[in-house]
N, C-alpha and C. Protein backbone atom coordinates (compact mmCIF):
# COMPACT_ATOMS: atom_id res chain seq x y z
N MET A 1 49.00 75.92 129.40
CA MET A 1 48.76 75.26 127.88
C MET A 1 47.40 75.40 127.64
N SER A 2 46.99 75.43 126.81
CA SER A 2 45.33 75.23 126.10
C SER A 2 45.59 74.62 125.49
N SER A 3 44.30 73.52 125.36
CA SER A 3 43.88 72.37 124.08
C SER A 3 42.32 72.76 123.92
N SER A 4 42.33 72.20 123.16
CA SER A 4 40.61 72.00 122.29
C SER A 4 40.06 70.97 123.11
N GLN A 5 38.80 71.15 123.55
CA GLN A 5 37.99 70.27 124.53
C GLN A 5 37.85 69.07 123.75
N ASP A 6 37.81 69.45 122.35
CA ASP A 6 37.71 68.59 121.37
C ASP A 6 39.23 67.95 120.90
N GLU A 7 40.12 68.00 121.19
CA GLU A 7 41.00 67.55 121.02
C GLU A 7 41.81 65.92 121.69
N HIS A 8 41.62 65.07 121.15
CA HIS A 8 42.05 63.60 121.17
C HIS A 8 43.43 63.23 120.88
N ILE A 9 44.01 62.47 122.06
CA ILE A 9 45.64 61.84 121.40
C ILE A 9 45.00 60.39 121.61
N ILE A 10 45.46 60.23 119.95
CA ILE A 10 45.64 58.74 119.47
C ILE A 10 46.28 58.22 120.46
N LEU A 11 46.05 56.65 121.08
CA LEU A 11 47.43 55.88 121.30
C LEU A 11 47.58 54.75 120.82
N GLY A 12 46.67 54.37 120.07
CA GLY A 12 46.42 53.29 119.48
C GLY A 12 45.12 52.92 118.59
N GLN A 13 45.26 51.72 118.53
CA GLN A 13 43.86 51.25 117.76
C GLN A 13 43.49 49.73 117.83
N ILE A 14 42.29 49.61 118.12
CA ILE A 14 41.60 48.56 117.99
C ILE A 14 41.51 46.89 116.71
N ASN A 15 42.60 46.50 117.00
CA ASN A 15 43.13 45.63 115.55
C ASN A 15 42.61 44.09 115.59
N GLY A 16 41.61 44.09 116.34
CA GLY A 16 40.92 42.17 116.34
C GLY A 16 40.44 42.25 117.67
N ILE A 17 39.87 40.91 117.17
CA ILE A 17 39.01 40.30 118.61
C ILE A 17 39.95 39.06 119.37
N TYR A 18 39.22 39.58 120.56
CA TYR A 18 40.02 37.80 121.53
C TYR A 18 39.40 36.68 121.59
N GLY A 19 38.98 35.84 121.70
CA GLY A 19 38.05 34.83 122.62
C GLY A 19 37.09 35.21 121.87
N VAL A 20 35.95 34.50 123.15
CA VAL A 20 34.68 34.81 123.02
C VAL A 20 33.78 35.82 123.89
N GLN A 21 34.28 36.33 125.03
CA GLN A 21 33.57 37.02 125.90
C GLN A 21 33.53 38.92 125.65
N GLY A 22 34.43 38.82 123.97
CA GLY A 22 34.49 40.47 123.99
C GLY A 22 35.69 40.82 124.08
N TRP A 23 36.59 40.38 124.15
CA TRP A 23 38.10 40.64 124.56
C TRP A 23 38.64 41.13 123.41
N VAL A 24 39.61 42.43 123.17
CA VAL A 24 39.66 42.90 121.93
C VAL A 24 41.54 42.98 122.06
N LYS A 25 41.78 43.23 121.04
CA LYS A 25 43.21 42.91 120.32
C LYS A 25 43.89 43.99 120.24
N VAL A 26 44.68 45.20 120.73
CA VAL A 26 45.16 46.08 120.77
C VAL A 26 46.34 46.69 120.12
N PHE A 27 46.60 47.70 118.82
CA PHE A 27 47.67 48.07 118.47
C PHE A 27 48.03 49.14 119.59
N SER A 28 49.14 49.83 119.97
CA SER A 28 49.60 50.74 120.79
C SER A 28 50.55 51.26 120.49
N HIS A 29 50.43 52.54 120.42
CA HIS A 29 51.65 53.48 120.34
C HIS A 29 52.34 53.69 121.19
N THR A 30 52.00 53.11 122.00
CA THR A 30 52.83 54.03 123.66
C THR A 30 54.09 53.53 123.71
N GLU A 31 55.13 53.95 124.71
CA GLU A 31 56.15 53.03 124.91
C GLU A 31 56.90 53.50 126.01
N PRO A 32 56.96 51.75 126.87
CA PRO A 32 56.14 50.84 126.68
C PRO A 32 54.62 50.73 125.81
N ARG A 33 54.59 49.68 125.19
CA ARG A 33 53.29 49.26 124.40
C ARG A 33 52.39 48.87 125.32
N ASP A 34 52.34 48.72 126.77
CA ASP A 34 51.57 47.99 127.82
C ASP A 34 51.03 49.17 128.14
N ASN A 35 51.38 51.13 128.32
CA ASN A 35 51.48 51.30 128.78
C ASN A 35 50.39 52.77 128.70
N ILE A 36 49.67 51.84 127.72
CA ILE A 36 47.98 52.18 126.81
C ILE A 36 47.06 51.77 128.24
N LEU A 37 47.53 50.32 128.73
CA LEU A 37 46.65 49.70 129.52
C LEU A 37 46.40 50.58 131.10
N ASN A 38 47.39 51.43 131.29
CA ASN A 38 47.52 52.53 132.14
C ASN A 38 46.68 53.69 132.36
N TYR A 39 45.74 53.73 131.30
CA TYR A 39 44.90 54.93 130.84
C TYR A 39 43.44 54.55 131.04
N SER A 40 42.34 54.91 131.31
CA SER A 40 41.26 54.57 131.70
C SER A 40 39.87 55.79 132.02
N PRO A 41 39.17 56.46 131.53
CA PRO A 41 38.84 55.97 129.98
C PRO A 41 39.13 55.62 129.26
N TRP A 42 39.22 55.11 128.04
CA TRP A 42 39.23 55.83 126.55
C TRP A 42 38.12 56.47 126.04
N ARG A 43 38.42 56.85 125.06
CA ARG A 43 37.33 57.85 124.11
C ARG A 43 37.51 56.60 122.80
N VAL A 44 36.32 55.74 122.30
CA VAL A 44 36.80 55.03 120.74
C VAL A 44 36.31 55.48 119.93
N ARG A 45 36.64 56.07 118.62
CA ARG A 45 36.00 56.31 117.94
C ARG A 45 35.37 55.27 116.63
N VAL A 46 33.73 55.40 116.71
CA VAL A 46 33.40 53.77 116.27
C VAL A 46 32.31 54.65 114.98
N LYS A 47 32.55 54.14 114.06
CA LYS A 47 31.80 54.99 112.57
C LYS A 47 31.98 57.00 113.12
N GLY A 48 33.02 57.19 112.96
CA GLY A 48 33.15 58.66 113.18
C GLY A 48 32.74 59.44 113.99
N GLU A 49 32.51 58.72 115.27
CA GLU A 49 31.75 59.08 116.64
C GLU A 49 32.57 58.49 117.55
N TRP A 50 33.11 59.59 118.88
CA TRP A 50 33.66 59.22 119.97
C TRP A 50 32.74 59.14 121.13
N ARG A 51 33.40 57.53 121.59
CA ARG A 51 32.24 56.87 122.55
C ARG A 51 33.56 56.88 123.53
N THR A 52 32.90 56.71 124.52
CA THR A 52 33.78 56.45 126.17
C THR A 52 33.66 55.75 126.59
N VAL A 53 34.39 54.76 126.86
CA VAL A 53 34.67 52.75 127.10
C VAL A 53 35.48 53.15 128.60
N SER A 54 35.46 52.27 129.48
CA SER A 54 36.05 51.97 130.86
C SER A 54 36.99 50.49 130.32
N LEU A 55 38.26 50.80 130.88
CA LEU A 55 38.90 49.39 130.32
C LEU A 55 38.54 48.92 132.16
N GLN A 56 38.37 47.74 131.04
CA GLN A 56 37.90 46.77 132.84
C GLN A 56 38.92 46.05 132.78
N ASP A 57 39.85 45.58 131.94
CA ASP A 57 40.91 44.70 132.15
C ASP A 57 42.07 44.50 131.23
N GLY A 58 43.18 44.17 131.31
CA GLY A 58 43.82 44.22 130.00
C GLY A 58 45.35 43.63 130.43
N ARG A 59 46.10 43.22 129.63
CA ARG A 59 47.24 42.60 129.83
C ARG A 59 48.19 42.56 128.50
N SER A 60 49.44 42.42 128.28
CA SER A 60 50.60 41.96 127.13
C SER A 60 50.45 40.62 127.55
N GLN A 61 50.97 40.30 125.84
CA GLN A 61 50.79 38.53 125.91
C GLN A 61 51.82 38.12 124.65
N SER A 62 52.91 37.35 124.70
CA SER A 62 53.42 36.73 123.52
C SER A 62 54.70 38.34 124.23
N GLY A 63 55.74 38.29 125.37
CA GLY A 63 56.54 39.05 125.63
C GLY A 63 56.10 40.46 125.59
N GLY A 64 55.31 41.11 125.58
CA GLY A 64 54.97 42.42 125.73
C GLY A 64 54.47 42.97 123.97
N LYS A 65 54.13 42.06 123.00
CA LYS A 65 54.67 42.38 121.39
C LYS A 65 52.92 42.40 121.20
N SER A 66 52.13 41.85 121.90
CA SER A 66 50.81 42.38 121.88
C SER A 66 50.07 42.60 123.05
N ILE A 67 48.66 43.15 123.10
CA ILE A 67 48.09 43.82 124.02
C ILE A 67 46.75 43.28 123.77
N ILE A 68 45.78 42.92 125.03
CA ILE A 68 44.36 42.11 124.78
C ILE A 68 43.94 43.41 125.68
N ALA A 69 42.41 43.51 125.92
CA ALA A 69 41.74 43.96 126.73
C ALA A 69 40.09 44.15 126.75
N LYS A 70 40.11 44.00 127.71
CA LYS A 70 38.18 43.91 128.22
C LYS A 70 37.53 45.36 128.48
N LEU A 71 37.02 45.43 127.35
CA LEU A 71 36.25 46.77 127.69
C LEU A 71 34.88 46.36 128.63
N GLU A 72 34.38 47.36 129.71
CA GLU A 72 33.38 46.92 130.50
C GLU A 72 32.07 47.57 129.48
N GLY A 73 30.93 46.49 129.49
CA GLY A 73 29.79 46.45 128.83
C GLY A 73 29.73 45.40 127.79
N ILE A 74 31.02 44.81 127.34
CA ILE A 74 31.53 44.07 126.05
C ILE A 74 31.97 43.12 126.75
N ASP A 75 30.46 41.93 126.70
CA ASP A 75 31.32 40.45 126.62
C ASP A 75 30.58 39.83 125.57
N ASP A 76 30.57 40.00 124.02
CA ASP A 76 29.99 38.88 122.76
C ASP A 76 31.03 39.68 121.94
N ARG A 77 31.21 38.41 121.33
CA ARG A 77 32.66 38.90 120.20
C ARG A 77 32.43 39.57 119.40
N ASP A 78 30.61 39.25 119.12
CA ASP A 78 30.34 39.82 117.81
C ASP A 78 30.04 41.21 118.38
N VAL A 79 29.90 41.68 119.19
CA VAL A 79 29.78 43.19 120.02
C VAL A 79 31.23 43.73 119.47
N ALA A 80 32.65 43.25 120.11
CA ALA A 80 33.66 43.43 120.39
C ALA A 80 33.97 43.74 118.58
N ARG A 81 33.45 42.58 117.75
CA ARG A 81 33.90 43.21 116.31
C ARG A 81 33.57 44.21 116.05
N GLU A 82 32.52 45.17 116.27
CA GLU A 82 32.35 46.57 115.84
C GLU A 82 33.27 47.00 116.28
N PHE A 83 34.25 47.04 117.31
CA PHE A 83 35.28 48.16 117.68
C PHE A 83 36.33 48.12 116.38
N MET A 84 36.72 46.88 115.76
CA MET A 84 37.81 46.66 114.96
C MET A 84 38.08 47.52 114.13
N GLY A 85 39.21 48.20 114.09
CA GLY A 85 39.57 49.16 113.26
C GLY A 85 39.40 50.61 114.08
N CYS A 86 38.87 50.59 115.03
CA CYS A 86 38.77 51.50 115.75
C CYS A 86 40.09 52.56 116.53
N ASP A 87 39.89 53.88 116.58
CA ASP A 87 41.23 54.49 117.06
C ASP A 87 40.63 54.55 118.52
N ILE A 88 42.29 54.40 119.23
CA ILE A 88 41.69 54.31 120.87
C ILE A 88 42.54 56.27 121.15
N ALA A 89 42.06 56.32 121.98
CA ALA A 89 42.44 57.75 122.23
C ALA A 89 41.86 58.16 124.36
N ILE A 90 42.89 59.09 124.21
CA ILE A 90 42.84 59.63 125.68
C ILE A 90 42.35 61.22 125.34
N MET A 91 41.62 61.85 126.85
CA MET A 91 41.89 63.13 126.23
C MET A 91 43.06 63.78 126.90
N PRO A 92 43.46 65.34 126.56
CA PRO A 92 44.63 66.11 127.52
C PRO A 92 44.94 65.82 128.70
N ASP A 93 43.81 66.15 129.61
CA ASP A 93 44.05 66.15 131.09
C ASP A 93 44.04 64.63 131.64
N GLN A 94 44.03 63.54 130.88
CA GLN A 94 44.61 62.70 131.35
C GLN A 94 45.88 62.01 131.24
N LEU A 95 46.80 62.98 130.66
CA LEU A 95 48.19 62.40 130.86
C LEU A 95 48.53 63.08 132.00
N PRO A 96 49.47 62.40 132.64
CA PRO A 96 50.45 62.67 133.54
C PRO A 96 51.01 64.40 133.58
N ASP A 97 51.44 64.82 134.55
CA ASP A 97 52.22 66.02 134.13
C ASP A 97 53.78 65.39 133.87
N THR A 98 54.95 66.28 133.24
CA THR A 98 55.72 66.06 132.87
C THR A 98 56.77 66.92 133.80
N ASP A 99 58.04 66.07 133.91
CA ASP A 99 59.00 67.40 134.51
C ASP A 99 59.47 68.44 133.99
N ASP A 100 59.38 68.28 132.86
CA ASP A 100 59.71 69.79 132.00
C ASP A 100 58.59 70.65 131.79
N GLY A 101 57.48 70.24 131.78
CA GLY A 101 55.99 70.69 131.52
C GLY A 101 55.22 71.04 130.31
N TYR A 102 56.09 70.32 129.37
CA TYR A 102 55.53 69.91 128.18
C TYR A 102 55.88 68.46 127.85
N TYR A 103 55.05 68.41 126.31
CA TYR A 103 55.09 66.93 125.56
C TYR A 103 55.75 67.29 124.17
N TRP A 104 55.99 66.15 123.17
CA TRP A 104 56.26 66.31 122.69
C TRP A 104 55.05 67.24 121.30
N ARG A 105 54.12 66.80 121.76
CA ARG A 105 52.68 67.43 120.39
C ARG A 105 52.85 68.74 121.17
N HIS A 106 53.10 69.64 122.40
CA HIS A 106 52.95 70.91 122.56
C HIS A 106 54.17 71.78 122.02
N LEU A 107 54.89 71.13 121.29
CA LEU A 107 56.23 71.62 120.02
C LEU A 107 55.65 72.09 118.93
N ILE A 108 55.05 71.18 118.36
CA ILE A 108 54.26 71.46 117.20
C ILE A 108 53.90 72.75 116.77
N GLY A 109 54.04 73.67 115.98
CA GLY A 109 54.01 74.80 115.93
C GLY A 109 54.25 76.08 116.74
N CYS A 110 55.44 75.84 117.41
CA CYS A 110 56.49 76.69 117.78
C CYS A 110 56.96 77.28 117.19
N GLU A 111 57.29 78.52 117.23
CA GLU A 111 58.17 79.37 116.39
C GLU A 111 59.46 79.13 116.65
N VAL A 112 60.81 78.85 116.16
CA VAL A 112 62.10 78.84 116.44
C VAL A 112 63.07 79.56 115.91
N ILE A 113 63.81 80.28 117.30
CA ILE A 113 64.13 81.41 117.42
C ILE A 113 65.85 81.32 117.84
N ASN A 114 67.02 81.54 116.69
CA ASN A 114 68.04 81.62 117.25
C ASN A 114 69.19 82.67 118.15
N GLN A 115 69.82 82.56 118.74
CA GLN A 115 70.78 83.48 119.59
C GLN A 115 70.40 85.08 118.85
N GLN A 116 70.40 84.99 117.54
CA GLN A 116 70.84 86.11 116.43
C GLN A 116 69.44 87.07 116.47
N GLY A 117 68.68 86.36 116.54
CA GLY A 117 67.27 86.74 116.71
C GLY A 117 66.39 86.66 115.29
N ASP A 118 67.13 85.84 114.90
CA ASP A 118 66.59 85.19 113.52
C ASP A 118 65.45 84.14 113.59
N VAL A 119 64.26 84.49 112.70
CA VAL A 119 63.29 83.10 113.24
C VAL A 119 63.55 82.36 111.99
N LEU A 120 63.94 81.03 112.53
CA LEU A 120 63.99 79.96 111.73
C LEU A 120 62.80 79.26 111.27
N GLY A 121 61.75 79.73 111.31
CA GLY A 121 60.50 78.90 111.11
C GLY A 121 59.62 78.39 112.34
N GLN A 122 58.98 77.31 112.02
CA GLN A 122 57.91 76.73 112.98
C GLN A 122 58.27 75.18 112.85
N VAL A 123 58.07 74.83 114.34
CA VAL A 123 58.38 73.28 114.31
C VAL A 123 56.91 72.56 113.67
N SER A 124 57.05 71.55 112.75
CA SER A 124 56.46 71.14 111.75
C SER A 124 55.90 69.19 112.15
N GLU A 125 57.39 68.97 112.59
CA GLU A 125 57.39 67.31 113.51
C GLU A 125 58.59 67.78 113.64
N ILE A 126 57.98 66.50 115.07
CA ILE A 126 59.73 65.89 115.58
C ILE A 126 59.84 64.26 114.89
N VAL A 127 61.00 64.41 114.60
CA VAL A 127 61.50 62.75 114.10
C VAL A 127 61.97 62.23 115.02
N GLU A 128 61.73 60.91 114.94
CA GLU A 128 62.37 60.24 116.33
C GLU A 128 63.64 59.40 115.39
N THR A 129 65.04 59.43 115.95
CA THR A 129 66.41 58.86 115.44
C THR A 129 66.73 57.84 116.49
N GLY A 130 67.71 57.23 116.43
CA GLY A 130 68.24 56.61 117.35
C GLY A 130 69.08 57.20 118.38
N ALA A 131 69.81 58.55 118.10
CA ALA A 131 70.74 59.29 118.86
C ALA A 131 69.27 59.90 119.84
N HIS A 132 68.93 60.91 118.98
CA HIS A 132 68.17 62.07 119.39
C HIS A 132 67.21 62.49 118.71
N ASP A 133 65.99 62.81 119.23
CA ASP A 133 64.98 62.98 118.74
C ASP A 133 65.65 64.91 117.83
N VAL A 134 64.53 64.78 116.82
CA VAL A 134 65.08 66.15 115.78
C VAL A 134 63.78 66.38 115.42
N LEU A 135 64.22 68.25 115.64
CA LEU A 135 62.70 69.00 115.69
C LEU A 135 63.29 69.22 114.04
N ARG A 136 61.68 69.19 113.04
CA ARG A 136 61.99 69.46 111.65
C ARG A 136 61.17 71.22 111.82
N VAL A 137 61.77 71.72 111.28
CA VAL A 137 61.67 73.77 111.27
C VAL A 137 61.11 73.88 109.74
N THR A 138 60.17 74.03 109.71
CA THR A 138 60.19 74.56 108.30
C THR A 138 59.58 76.24 108.27
N GLN A 139 60.07 76.69 107.10
CA GLN A 139 59.45 77.92 106.83
C GLN A 139 59.24 78.55 105.16
N THR A 140 58.39 79.41 104.77
CA THR A 140 58.29 79.57 103.52
C THR A 140 59.79 80.36 103.15
N SER A 141 59.62 79.92 102.19
CA SER A 141 61.10 81.22 101.47
C SER A 141 60.29 82.47 100.31
N PRO A 142 60.66 83.36 100.39
CA PRO A 142 60.44 84.72 99.44
C PRO A 142 59.70 84.01 98.22
N SER A 143 60.56 83.41 97.59
CA SER A 143 60.05 82.36 96.40
C SER A 143 58.54 81.42 96.17
N GLY A 144 58.66 81.16 97.66
CA GLY A 144 57.16 80.68 98.00
C GLY A 144 57.57 79.07 98.15
N GLU A 145 58.58 78.63 98.14
CA GLU A 145 58.93 77.20 98.35
C GLU A 145 59.16 76.89 100.11
N THR A 146 58.95 75.30 100.66
CA THR A 146 59.01 75.51 102.01
C THR A 146 60.33 74.93 102.05
N LEU A 147 60.97 75.58 103.08
CA LEU A 147 62.49 75.25 103.25
C LEU A 147 62.39 74.41 104.87
N SER A 148 62.71 73.62 104.80
CA SER A 148 62.92 72.66 106.11
C SER A 148 64.45 72.33 106.86
N THR A 149 64.23 72.70 108.00
CA THR A 149 65.40 72.57 108.81
C THR A 149 65.55 71.40 109.90
N LEU A 150 66.54 70.85 110.35
CA LEU A 150 66.44 69.40 111.20
C LEU A 150 67.84 70.06 112.08
N ILE A 151 66.88 70.21 113.62
CA ILE A 151 67.58 70.61 114.25
C ILE A 151 67.52 69.68 115.54
N PRO A 152 69.16 68.93 116.43
CA PRO A 152 68.58 67.41 117.10
C PRO A 152 68.40 68.83 118.43
N PHE A 153 67.29 67.72 118.94
CA PHE A 153 66.50 68.24 120.59
C PHE A 153 67.75 67.88 121.78
N VAL A 154 68.58 68.36 121.57
CA VAL A 154 69.31 68.49 122.80
C VAL A 154 69.55 69.54 123.67
N MET A 155 69.01 69.58 124.58
CA MET A 155 68.90 70.25 125.68
C MET A 155 70.16 71.43 126.02
N ASP A 156 70.21 72.35 126.21
CA ASP A 156 71.87 73.09 126.76
C ASP A 156 72.76 73.09 125.58
N THR A 157 72.70 72.47 124.38
CA THR A 157 73.52 72.64 123.61
C THR A 157 72.75 73.13 122.08
N PHE A 158 71.69 72.31 121.60
CA PHE A 158 71.14 72.92 120.76
C PHE A 158 69.79 74.03 121.09
N ILE A 159 69.21 73.14 121.98
CA ILE A 159 67.77 73.83 122.19
C ILE A 159 68.29 74.74 123.88
N LEU A 160 68.27 75.78 123.80
CA LEU A 160 68.23 76.72 125.03
C LEU A 160 67.09 76.66 125.85
N ALA A 161 66.22 77.17 125.49
CA ALA A 161 65.02 77.20 126.16
C ALA A 161 63.42 76.89 125.29
N VAL A 162 62.74 76.45 125.87
CA VAL A 162 61.25 76.12 125.48
C VAL A 162 60.54 76.56 126.19
N ASP A 163 59.51 77.62 125.46
CA ASP A 163 58.31 78.29 126.25
C ASP A 163 57.40 77.87 125.58
N VAL A 164 56.35 76.81 126.16
CA VAL A 164 55.29 76.26 125.19
C VAL A 164 53.86 77.14 125.26
N GLU A 165 54.33 78.12 126.58
CA GLU A 165 52.94 79.21 126.45
C GLU A 165 52.84 80.44 125.92
N ALA A 166 54.09 80.79 125.19
CA ALA A 166 54.31 81.46 124.53
C ALA A 166 54.67 80.92 122.82
N LYS A 167 54.71 79.57 122.81
CA LYS A 167 55.02 79.03 121.74
C LYS A 167 56.53 79.38 121.07
N GLN A 168 57.47 79.23 121.98
CA GLN A 168 58.94 79.75 121.33
C GLN A 168 59.87 78.66 121.84
N ILE A 169 60.69 78.13 120.58
CA ILE A 169 61.61 77.62 121.17
C ILE A 169 63.12 78.49 121.03
N GLN A 170 63.93 78.69 121.28
CA GLN A 170 65.28 79.38 121.19
C GLN A 170 66.07 78.19 121.54
N VAL A 171 66.87 78.41 120.24
CA VAL A 171 68.05 77.49 119.80
C VAL A 171 69.59 78.16 119.71
N ASP A 172 70.60 77.37 119.69
CA ASP A 172 71.81 77.93 119.20
C ASP A 172 72.04 76.95 118.07
N TRP A 173 71.64 77.49 116.79
CA TRP A 173 71.44 77.17 115.57
C TRP A 173 71.73 78.02 114.55
N GLN A 174 72.90 78.75 114.28
CA GLN A 174 73.21 79.10 112.44
C GLN A 174 72.34 79.33 111.14
N ARG A 175 71.99 79.82 110.10
CA ARG A 175 71.33 79.92 108.86
C ARG A 175 72.07 78.98 108.31
N ASP A 176 73.89 79.33 108.85
CA ASP A 176 74.80 78.77 107.75
C ASP A 176 74.64 77.03 108.57
N ASP A 177 74.08 76.37 109.38
CA ASP A 177 74.17 75.18 109.58
C ASP A 177 72.59 74.35 109.14
N GLU A 178 72.37 75.53 108.45
CA GLU A 178 70.73 74.70 108.23
C GLU A 178 70.84 73.52 107.18
N ASP A 179 70.38 72.54 107.08
CA ASP A 179 70.17 71.46 106.45
C ASP A 179 68.85 71.39 105.41
N ALA A 180 68.89 72.69 104.24
CA ALA A 180 67.74 72.41 103.98
C ALA A 180 67.45 71.41 103.07
N ASP A 181 66.23 71.20 102.93
CA ASP A 181 65.79 69.37 102.22
C ASP A 181 64.89 69.67 101.68
N ALA A 182 64.31 71.10 101.47
CA ALA A 182 62.86 71.32 100.48
C ALA A 182 62.18 70.22 100.06
């Protein structure tokens, strides 16, 4: 799996200050929310530049609804205020290995091919739904319009094989089954 040296994975954002000793409030995109505290150092984008900051301490509050964090070297409320609105990211090599060898982000851009060898398009996004996540596969028609197909990500039912190295996903999906919502 190749990834750019400059690739940052956004995990959340600093959205407030807490107390007078430099703690910050954090909005987390991780699931569960407090998983963001498992990563250090963080990369924080301050005024367009990425800075590396180590997490000194952190915890959930209000039953896990909000998170506060203490960043190393930030001991003053006014200094912490400079970080408000800043994205929090990590580098790809900070992610733990997965059982299946890939994260959702690795599927974006993969070519989707059915059992008949028809190219259905490329994965443009993954839509989270209550039951199963869904691949949005887009393709440009001969007339130039963008066609979109939604394929439930259900292994061994609709998804037959995922090869992130080759950037290819094999599916059991017929063109007639497509839900074009161009």
